[in-house]
């Protein structure tokens, strides 16, 4: 078996780095719904930042209209944020066909 660590303690295996990264990492996320003609209405999510470690559970609670569903749609790549990044295990989360994203 190949060791992912060198003798000096540095990580050398990309796969190991990915496993050490949070399952989800969200930074500076902003999202608002399109009001037509390219105009974005009121932002429902502003400057959202969170990390979800692998093997943990996260509950998202809040009043109606606070952005809970919008956040989940963004995490599932069913919507595109106006700003910010979403990483899955240290990499930009997969896009493309739903079938490719199903394993998330």
C-alpha atoms as a PDB file:
ATOM      1  CA  UNK A   1       0.000   0.000   0.000  1.00  0.00           C
ATOM      2  CA  UNK A   2       1.307   3.429  -0.950  1.00  0.00           C
ATOM      3  CA  UNK A   3       1.702   5.888   1.922  1.00  0.00           C
ATOM      4  CA  UNK A   4       0.175   9.321   1.286  1.00  0.00           C
ATOM      5  CA  UNK A   5       2.716  11.013   3.613  1.00  0.00           C
ATOM      6  CA  UNK A   6       6.378  11.642   2.974  1.00  0.00           C
ATOM      7  CA  UNK A   7       8.839  11.332   5.839  1.00  0.00           C
ATOM      8  CA  UNK A   8       8.750  15.121   6.314  1.00  0.00           C
ATOM      9  CA  UNK A   9       4.983  14.902   6.963  1.00  0.00           C
ATOM     10  CA  UNK A  10       3.851  16.582   3.735  1.00  0.00           C
ATOM     11  CA  UNK A  11       0.746  15.250   2.030  1.00  0.00           C
ATOM     12  CA  UNK A  12       1.622  13.928  -1.419  1.00  0.00           C
ATOM     13  CA  UNK A  13      -1.535  12.188  -2.544  1.00  0.00           C
ATOM     14  CA  UNK A  14      -4.338  14.299  -4.090  1.00  0.00           C
ATOM     15  CA  UNK A  15      -6.899  11.756  -2.926  1.00  0.00           C
ATOM     16  CA  UNK A  16      -5.798  12.119   0.687  1.00  0.00           C
ATOM     17  CA  UNK A  17      -5.988  15.914   0.479  1.00  0.00           C
ATOM     18  CA  UNK A  18      -9.552  15.577  -0.789  1.00  0.00           C
ATOM     19  CA  UNK A  19     -10.514  13.319   2.109  1.00  0.00           C
ATOM     20  CA  UNK A  20      -9.084  15.799   4.600  1.00  0.00           C
ATOM     21  CA  UNK A  21     -11.125  18.674   3.164  1.00  0.00           C
ATOM     22  CA  UNK A  22     -14.620  19.404   4.498  1.00  0.00           C
ATOM     23  CA  UNK A  23     -17.393  17.523   2.703  1.00  0.00           C
ATOM     24  CA  UNK A  24     -18.976  20.857   1.773  1.00  0.00           C
ATOM     25  CA  UNK A  25     -17.328  24.251   1.951  1.00  0.00           C
ATOM     26  CA  UNK A  26     -19.321  27.352   1.042  1.00  0.00           C
ATOM     27  CA  UNK A  27     -17.670  30.797   0.887  1.00  0.00           C
ATOM     28  CA  UNK A  28     -19.216  34.201   0.169  1.00  0.00           C
ATOM     29  CA  UNK A  29     -22.390  32.747  -1.327  1.00  0.00           C
ATOM     30  CA  UNK A  30     -24.996  35.203  -2.638  1.00  0.00           C
ATOM     31  CA  UNK A  31     -28.218  34.322  -4.405  1.00  0.00           C
ATOM     32  CA  UNK A  32     -31.334  36.155  -5.536  1.00  0.00           C
ATOM     33  CA  UNK A  33     -34.079  35.229  -7.958  1.00  0.00           C
ATOM     34  CA  UNK A  34     -34.191  36.692 -11.469  1.00  0.00           C
ATOM     35  CA  UNK A  35     -36.848  39.398 -11.804  1.00  0.00           C
ATOM     36  CA  UNK A  36     -36.662  39.412 -15.604  1.00  0.00           C
ATOM     37  CA  UNK A  37     -34.493  41.313 -18.067  1.00  0.00           C
ATOM     38  CA  UNK A  38     -31.396  40.165 -16.212  1.00  0.00           C
ATOM     39  CA  UNK A  39     -32.328  41.971 -12.992  1.00  0.00           C
ATOM     40  CA  UNK A  40     -31.847  40.197  -9.699  1.00  0.00           C
ATOM     41  CA  UNK A  41     -34.395  40.955  -7.006  1.00  0.00           C
ATOM     42  CA  UNK A  42     -33.787  40.960  -3.278  1.00  0.00           C
ATOM     43  CA  UNK A  43     -30.940  38.645  -2.314  1.00  0.00           C
ATOM     44  CA  UNK A  44     -32.280  35.718  -0.304  1.00  0.00           C
ATOM     45  CA  UNK A  45     -28.751  34.605   0.637  1.00  0.00           C
ATOM     46  CA  UNK A  46     -25.987  37.085   1.446  1.00  0.00           C
ATOM     47  CA  UNK A  47     -22.371  36.270   2.310  1.00  0.00           C
ATOM     48  CA  UNK A  48     -23.128  32.692   3.409  1.00  0.00           C
ATOM     49  CA  UNK A  49     -20.116  30.741   4.664  1.00  0.00           C
ATOM     50  CA  UNK A  50     -20.195  27.248   6.153  1.00  0.00           C
ATOM     51  CA  UNK A  51     -18.275  24.006   6.367  1.00  0.00           C
ATOM     52  CA  UNK A  52     -19.844  20.585   6.766  1.00  0.00           C
ATOM     53  CA  UNK A  53     -17.423  17.877   7.828  1.00  0.00           C
ATOM     54  CA  UNK A  54     -17.726  14.406   6.349  1.00  0.00           C
ATOM     55  CA  UNK A  55     -19.917  12.110   8.442  1.00  0.00           C
ATOM     56  CA  UNK A  56     -21.782  14.929  10.165  1.00  0.00           C
ATOM     57  CA  UNK A  57     -25.367  16.063   9.833  1.00  0.00           C
ATOM     58  CA  UNK A  58     -26.466  19.667   9.438  1.00  0.00           C
ATOM     59  CA  UNK A  59     -29.928  21.038  10.110  1.00  0.00           C
ATOM     60  CA  UNK A  60     -31.030  24.175   8.296  1.00  0.00           C
ATOM     61  CA  UNK A  61     -33.826  26.022  10.072  1.00  0.00           C
ATOM     62  CA  UNK A  62     -35.407  29.436   9.706  1.00  0.00           C
ATOM     63  CA  UNK A  63     -38.636  31.254   8.956  1.00  0.00           C
ATOM     64  CA  UNK A  64     -40.461  31.088   5.626  1.00  0.00           C
ATOM     65  CA  UNK A  65     -38.558  32.898   2.892  1.00  0.00           C
ATOM     66  CA  UNK A  66     -35.220  32.878   4.702  1.00  0.00           C
ATOM     67  CA  UNK A  67     -33.370  30.955   1.954  1.00  0.00           C
ATOM     68  CA  UNK A  68     -33.315  27.365   3.237  1.00  0.00           C
ATOM     69  CA  UNK A  69     -34.578  25.817   0.005  1.00  0.00           C
ATOM     70  CA  UNK A  70     -32.462  28.179  -2.096  1.00  0.00           C
ATOM     71  CA  UNK A  71     -29.326  27.050  -0.230  1.00  0.00           C
ATOM     72  CA  UNK A  72     -30.161  23.382  -0.779  1.00  0.00           C
ATOM     73  CA  UNK A  73     -30.842  24.018  -4.480  1.00  0.00           C
ATOM     74  CA  UNK A  74     -27.434  25.698  -4.764  1.00  0.00           C
ATOM     75  CA  UNK A  75     -25.674  22.826  -2.984  1.00  0.00           C
ATOM     76  CA  UNK A  76     -27.337  20.364  -5.379  1.00  0.00           C
ATOM     77  CA  UNK A  77     -26.339  22.534  -8.386  1.00  0.00           C
ATOM     78  CA  UNK A  78     -29.984  23.061  -9.327  1.00  0.00           C
ATOM     79  CA  UNK A  79     -29.381  26.820  -9.219  1.00  0.00           C
ATOM     80  CA  UNK A  80     -26.365  29.060  -9.866  1.00  0.00           C
ATOM     81  CA  UNK A  81     -25.222  31.625  -7.283  1.00  0.00           C
ATOM     82  CA  UNK A  82     -24.614  35.248  -8.220  1.00  0.00           C
ATOM     83  CA  UNK A  83     -21.416  35.156  -6.193  1.00  0.00           C
ATOM     84  CA  UNK A  84     -19.349  32.792  -4.060  1.00  0.00           C
ATOM     85  CA  UNK A  85     -17.968  29.275  -4.258  1.00  0.00           C
ATOM     86  CA  UNK A  86     -19.234  25.834  -3.352  1.00  0.00           C
ATOM     87  CA  UNK A  87     -16.663  23.068  -2.944  1.00  0.00           C
ATOM     88  CA  UNK A  88     -17.294  19.380  -2.426  1.00  0.00           C
ATOM     89  CA  UNK A  89     -14.355  17.584  -0.782  1.00  0.00           C
ATOM     90  CA  UNK A  90     -12.041  20.455  -1.707  1.00  0.00           C
ATOM     91  CA  UNK A  91     -13.073  20.652  -5.352  1.00  0.00           C
ATOM     92  CA  UNK A  92     -15.659  22.729  -7.124  1.00  0.00           C
ATOM     93  CA  UNK A  93     -18.861  20.743  -6.897  1.00  0.00           C
ATOM     94  CA  UNK A  94     -19.811  18.764 -10.003  1.00  0.00           C
ATOM     95  CA  UNK A  95     -22.030  20.307 -12.603  1.00  0.00           C
ATOM     96  CA  UNK A  96     -23.640  18.905 -15.687  1.00  0.00           C
ATOM     97  CA  UNK A  97     -26.190  16.155 -15.834  1.00  0.00           C
ATOM     98  CA  UNK A  98     -28.275  15.260 -12.827  1.00  0.00           C
ATOM     99  CA  UNK A  99     -27.200  11.653 -13.153  1.00  0.00           C
ATOM    100  CA  UNK A 100     -23.572  12.695 -12.497  1.00  0.00           C
ATOM    101  CA  UNK A 101     -24.622  14.676  -9.395  1.00  0.00           C
ATOM    102  CA  UNK A 102     -26.833  11.979  -7.910  1.00  0.00           C
ATOM    103  CA  UNK A 103     -24.039  10.495  -5.812  1.00  0.00           C
ATOM    104  CA  UNK A 104     -23.588  13.692  -3.790  1.00  0.00           C
END
